Protein backbone atom coordinates (compact mmCIF):
# COMPACT_ATOMS: atom_id res chain seq x y z
CA UNK A 1 -37.12 -7.68 -63.26
CA UNK A 2 -37.31 -11.38 -62.40
CA UNK A 3 -39.13 -10.63 -59.13
CA UNK A 4 -41.31 -7.91 -60.59
CA UNK A 5 -42.60 -9.98 -63.53
CA UNK A 6 -42.31 -13.41 -61.89
CA UNK A 7 -45.11 -15.54 -60.48
CA UNK A 8 -43.61 -15.20 -56.98
CA UNK A 9 -43.64 -11.41 -57.34
CA UNK A 10 -46.11 -9.18 -59.18
CA UNK A 11 -46.29 -11.15 -62.42
CA UNK A 12 -50.02 -11.73 -62.10
CA UNK A 13 -50.74 -8.01 -61.93
CA UNK A 14 -48.51 -7.27 -64.95
CA UNK A 15 -50.12 -10.08 -66.96
CA UNK A 16 -53.65 -8.94 -66.11
CA UNK A 17 -53.13 -5.23 -66.78
CA UNK A 18 -50.48 -5.07 -69.51
CA UNK A 19 -50.59 -8.63 -70.93
CA UNK A 20 -46.83 -9.06 -70.38
CA UNK A 21 -44.70 -11.70 -68.69
CA UNK A 22 -41.05 -12.24 -67.81
CA UNK A 23 -40.16 -12.54 -71.50
CA UNK A 24 -41.21 -8.91 -71.95
CA UNK A 25 -38.79 -7.54 -69.36
CA UNK A 26 -37.04 -5.21 -71.83
CA UNK A 27 -40.33 -3.55 -72.85
CA UNK A 28 -41.31 -3.14 -69.21
CA UNK A 29 -37.89 -1.76 -68.24
CA UNK A 30 -37.98 0.73 -71.14
CA UNK A 31 -41.44 1.94 -70.09
CA UNK A 32 -40.32 2.37 -66.47
CA UNK A 33 -37.08 4.11 -67.46
CA UNK A 34 -38.96 6.50 -69.75
CA UNK A 35 -41.72 7.34 -67.25
CA UNK A 36 -39.59 7.77 -64.12
CA UNK A 37 -37.40 10.89 -64.66
CA UNK A 38 -38.90 14.04 -63.19
CA UNK A 39 -41.59 12.18 -61.28
CA UNK A 40 -42.47 13.48 -57.82
CA UNK A 41 -41.48 11.15 -55.00
CA UNK A 42 -44.61 10.17 -53.05
CA UNK A 43 -42.98 8.32 -50.16
CA UNK A 44 -39.52 8.09 -48.59
CA UNK A 45 -38.62 5.36 -46.12
CA UNK A 46 -35.41 5.49 -44.14
CA UNK A 47 -33.75 2.06 -43.86
CA UNK A 48 -30.73 2.68 -41.59
CA UNK A 49 -28.05 1.57 -42.13
CA UNK A 50 -29.15 0.42 -45.59
CA UNK A 51 -30.11 3.74 -47.17
CA UNK A 52 -33.57 4.85 -48.25
CA UNK A 53 -36.34 3.67 -50.52
CA UNK A 54 -38.39 6.11 -52.56
CA UNK A 55 -41.84 5.37 -53.90
CA UNK A 56 -43.32 6.99 -56.98
CA UNK A 57 -46.49 6.56 -59.00
CA UNK A 58 -46.40 6.93 -62.78
CA UNK A 59 -48.62 6.33 -65.75
CA UNK A 60 -47.16 3.53 -67.90
CA UNK A 61 -48.18 2.53 -71.39
CA UNK A 62 -47.09 -0.83 -72.77
CA UNK A 63 -48.48 -2.28 -75.97
CA UNK A 64 -51.30 0.25 -76.13
CA UNK A 65 -52.47 -0.52 -72.56
CA UNK A 66 -52.08 2.14 -69.85
CA UNK A 67 -52.26 2.05 -66.05
CA UNK A 68 -51.00 3.83 -62.95
CA UNK A 69 -47.99 1.96 -61.64
CA UNK A 70 -46.30 2.08 -58.25
CA UNK A 71 -42.50 1.91 -58.39
CA UNK A 72 -39.98 1.70 -55.57
CA UNK A 73 -36.30 2.66 -55.88
CA UNK A 74 -33.55 1.98 -53.33
CA UNK A 75 -30.61 4.31 -52.69
CA UNK A 76 -27.86 2.61 -50.66
CA UNK A 77 -26.14 5.96 -50.01
CA UNK A 78 -26.94 9.51 -51.03
CA UNK A 79 -24.67 9.55 -54.09
CA UNK A 80 -25.52 5.99 -55.21
CA UNK A 81 -27.40 5.21 -58.39
CA UNK A 82 -30.93 4.00 -57.65
CA UNK A 83 -31.79 0.30 -57.79
CA UNK A 84 -35.27 -0.78 -58.86
CA UNK A 85 -36.84 -2.66 -55.93
CA UNK A 86 -40.35 -3.37 -57.17
CA UNK A 87 -43.07 -2.12 -59.48
CA UNK A 88 -46.66 -3.10 -60.07
CA UNK A 89 -49.73 -1.68 -61.79
CA UNK A 90 -52.62 -0.54 -59.64
CA UNK A 91 -56.31 -0.95 -60.42
């Protein structure tokens, strides 16, 4: 979450849209974890030999503010648990 909410990452977008910063990482993580299950994968990118990344788009609500959010998950191998790569709200 450090990259996602940090100034060097997508922190500016999160601050503008949801009024959150790196101190709100638990609220952001909870919103992502709640919105992600069952979502249709929009994009799959093969990254041989490093697995695949899957992109989804979800509607997130944090603190009464809502926006479409792009989220990318990485799977190192087929049976691996996903790792959150990045996420950012879209206009």
